[in-house]
Amino acid sequence: MEIFDEFGADALRLYLITSPVVRGKPLKFKKEGVRDILKDVFLPWYNALRLLIQSCDQLKVNKKVNFIYDEKRLY
């Protein structure tokens, strides 16, 4: 549970599915590996999302543009 609390379940899942264990090979579990997944994969995605939200908020204020999420327009 310590790994879940520190890094989250998604980081552990991604660490395991990108490890040799999925090919039936042995794995020497390293806590640093989970941390690296979090740092190299999840944090850049999170930062990109925060930048998008911040940019949308700035456009709302500066240009009076109102962003409305519409799933139908995504496809």
C-alpha atoms as a PDB file:
ATOM      1  CA  MET A   1       0.000   0.000   0.000  1.00  0.00           C
ATOM      2  CA  GLU A   2       2.967   2.302   0.471  1.00  0.00           C
ATOM      3  CA  ILE A   3       3.551   2.392  -3.309  1.00  0.00           C
ATOM      4  CA  PHE A   4      -0.118   3.271  -3.941  1.00  0.00           C
ATOM      5  CA  ASP A   5      -0.037   6.064  -1.393  1.00  0.00           C
ATOM      6  CA  GLU A   6       3.209   7.517  -2.691  1.00  0.00           C
ATOM      7  CA  PHE A   7       2.869   7.136  -6.470  1.00  0.00           C
ATOM      8  CA  GLY A   8      -0.694   6.011  -7.179  1.00  0.00           C
ATOM      9  CA  ALA A   9      -2.119   2.847  -8.676  1.00  0.00           C
ATOM     10  CA  ASP A  10      -1.863   4.043 -12.285  1.00  0.00           C
ATOM     11  CA  ALA A  11       1.902   4.539 -12.059  1.00  0.00           C
ATOM     12  CA  LEU A  12       2.294   1.040 -10.615  1.00  0.00           C
ATOM     13  CA  ARG A  13       0.056  -0.459 -13.326  1.00  0.00           C
ATOM     14  CA  LEU A  14       2.030   1.205 -16.113  1.00  0.00           C
ATOM     15  CA  TYR A  15       5.317   0.125 -14.524  1.00  0.00           C
ATOM     16  CA  LEU A  16       4.135  -3.480 -14.449  1.00  0.00           C
ATOM     17  CA  ILE A  17       2.696  -3.598 -17.984  1.00  0.00           C
ATOM     18  CA  THR A  18       5.901  -2.138 -19.438  1.00  0.00           C
ATOM     19  CA  SER A  19       8.095  -4.548 -17.472  1.00  0.00           C
ATOM     20  CA  PRO A  20       9.499  -7.926 -18.567  1.00  0.00           C
ATOM     21  CA  VAL A  21       6.898  -9.621 -16.347  1.00  0.00           C
ATOM     22  CA  VAL A  22       4.273  -9.403 -19.121  1.00  0.00           C
ATOM     23  CA  ARG A  23       6.548 -11.509 -21.333  1.00  0.00           C
ATOM     24  CA  GLY A  24       6.905 -14.139 -18.608  1.00  0.00           C
ATOM     25  CA  LYS A  25      10.355 -13.011 -17.510  1.00  0.00           C
ATOM     26  CA  PRO A  26      11.460 -12.294 -13.953  1.00  0.00           C
ATOM     27  CA  LEU A  27      11.217  -8.802 -12.549  1.00  0.00           C
ATOM     28  CA  LYS A  28      13.309  -7.270  -9.835  1.00  0.00           C
ATOM     29  CA  PHE A  29      10.854  -4.708  -8.519  1.00  0.00           C
ATOM     30  CA  LYS A  30      12.305  -1.246  -8.031  1.00  0.00           C
ATOM     31  CA  LYS A  31      10.450   1.562  -6.353  1.00  0.00           C
ATOM     32  CA  GLU A  32      12.531   3.964  -8.453  1.00  0.00           C
ATOM     33  CA  GLY A  33      11.025   2.418 -11.588  1.00  0.00           C
ATOM     34  CA  VAL A  34       7.534   3.389 -10.477  1.00  0.00           C
ATOM     35  CA  ARG A  35       8.778   6.877  -9.616  1.00  0.00           C
ATOM     36  CA  ASP A  36      10.353   7.174 -13.078  1.00  0.00           C
ATOM     37  CA  ILE A  37       7.056   6.214 -14.752  1.00  0.00           C
ATOM     38  CA  LEU A  38       5.301   8.907 -12.748  1.00  0.00           C
ATOM     39  CA  LYS A  39       7.967  11.483 -13.601  1.00  0.00           C
ATOM     40  CA  ASP A  40       8.392  10.572 -17.281  1.00  0.00           C
ATOM     41  CA  VAL A  41       4.779   9.792 -18.252  1.00  0.00           C
ATOM     42  CA  PHE A  42       2.157  11.119 -15.874  1.00  0.00           C
ATOM     43  CA  LEU A  43       3.653  14.456 -14.846  1.00  0.00           C
ATOM     44  CA  PRO A  44       4.136  15.700 -18.450  1.00  0.00           C
ATOM     45  CA  TRP A  45       0.508  14.768 -19.229  1.00  0.00           C
ATOM     46  CA  TYR A  46      -0.683  16.494 -16.077  1.00  0.00           C
ATOM     47  CA  ASN A  47       1.354  19.607 -16.861  1.00  0.00           C
ATOM     48  CA  ALA A  48      -0.016  19.713 -20.416  1.00  0.00           C
ATOM     49  CA  LEU A  49      -3.562  19.487 -19.071  1.00  0.00           C
ATOM     50  CA  ARG A  50      -2.904  22.284 -16.586  1.00  0.00           C
ATOM     51  CA  LEU A  51      -1.475  24.456 -19.392  1.00  0.00           C
ATOM     52  CA  LEU A  52      -4.561  23.810 -21.534  1.00  0.00           C
ATOM     53  CA  ILE A  53      -6.913  24.711 -18.689  1.00  0.00           C
ATOM     54  CA  GLN A  54      -4.904  27.819 -17.860  1.00  0.00           C
ATOM     55  CA  SER A  55      -4.864  28.917 -21.509  1.00  0.00           C
ATOM     56  CA  CYS A  56      -8.622  28.402 -21.807  1.00  0.00           C
ATOM     57  CA  ASP A  57      -9.165  30.452 -18.661  1.00  0.00           C
ATOM     58  CA  GLN A  58      -6.990  33.261 -20.052  1.00  0.00           C
ATOM     59  CA  LEU A  59      -8.939  33.275 -23.316  1.00  0.00           C
ATOM     60  CA  LYS A  60     -12.194  33.470 -21.372  1.00  0.00           C
ATOM     61  CA  VAL A  61     -10.960  36.544 -19.535  1.00  0.00           C
ATOM     62  CA  ASN A  62      -8.973  38.305 -22.277  1.00  0.00           C
ATOM     63  CA  LYS A  63     -10.968  37.496 -25.424  1.00  0.00           C
ATOM     64  CA  LYS A  64     -14.370  36.687 -23.882  1.00  0.00           C
ATOM     65  CA  VAL A  65     -14.281  33.207 -25.458  1.00  0.00           C
ATOM     66  CA  ASN A  66     -16.451  30.642 -23.701  1.00  0.00           C
ATOM     67  CA  PHE A  67     -15.290  27.034 -23.985  1.00  0.00           C
ATOM     68  CA  ILE A  68     -18.002  24.421 -23.692  1.00  0.00           C
ATOM     69  CA  TYR A  69     -17.119  20.742 -23.647  1.00  0.00           C
ATOM     70  CA  ASP A  70     -19.168  18.838 -26.204  1.00  0.00           C
ATOM     71  CA  GLU A  71     -18.266  15.184 -26.675  1.00  0.00           C
ATOM     72  CA  LYS A  72     -20.112  15.036 -30.027  1.00  0.00           C
ATOM     73  CA  ARG A  73     -17.657  17.533 -31.535  1.00  0.00           C
ATOM     74  CA  LEU A  74     -14.658  15.338 -30.687  1.00  0.00           C
ATOM     75  CA  TYR A  75     -15.378  12.769 -33.406  1.00  0.00           C
END
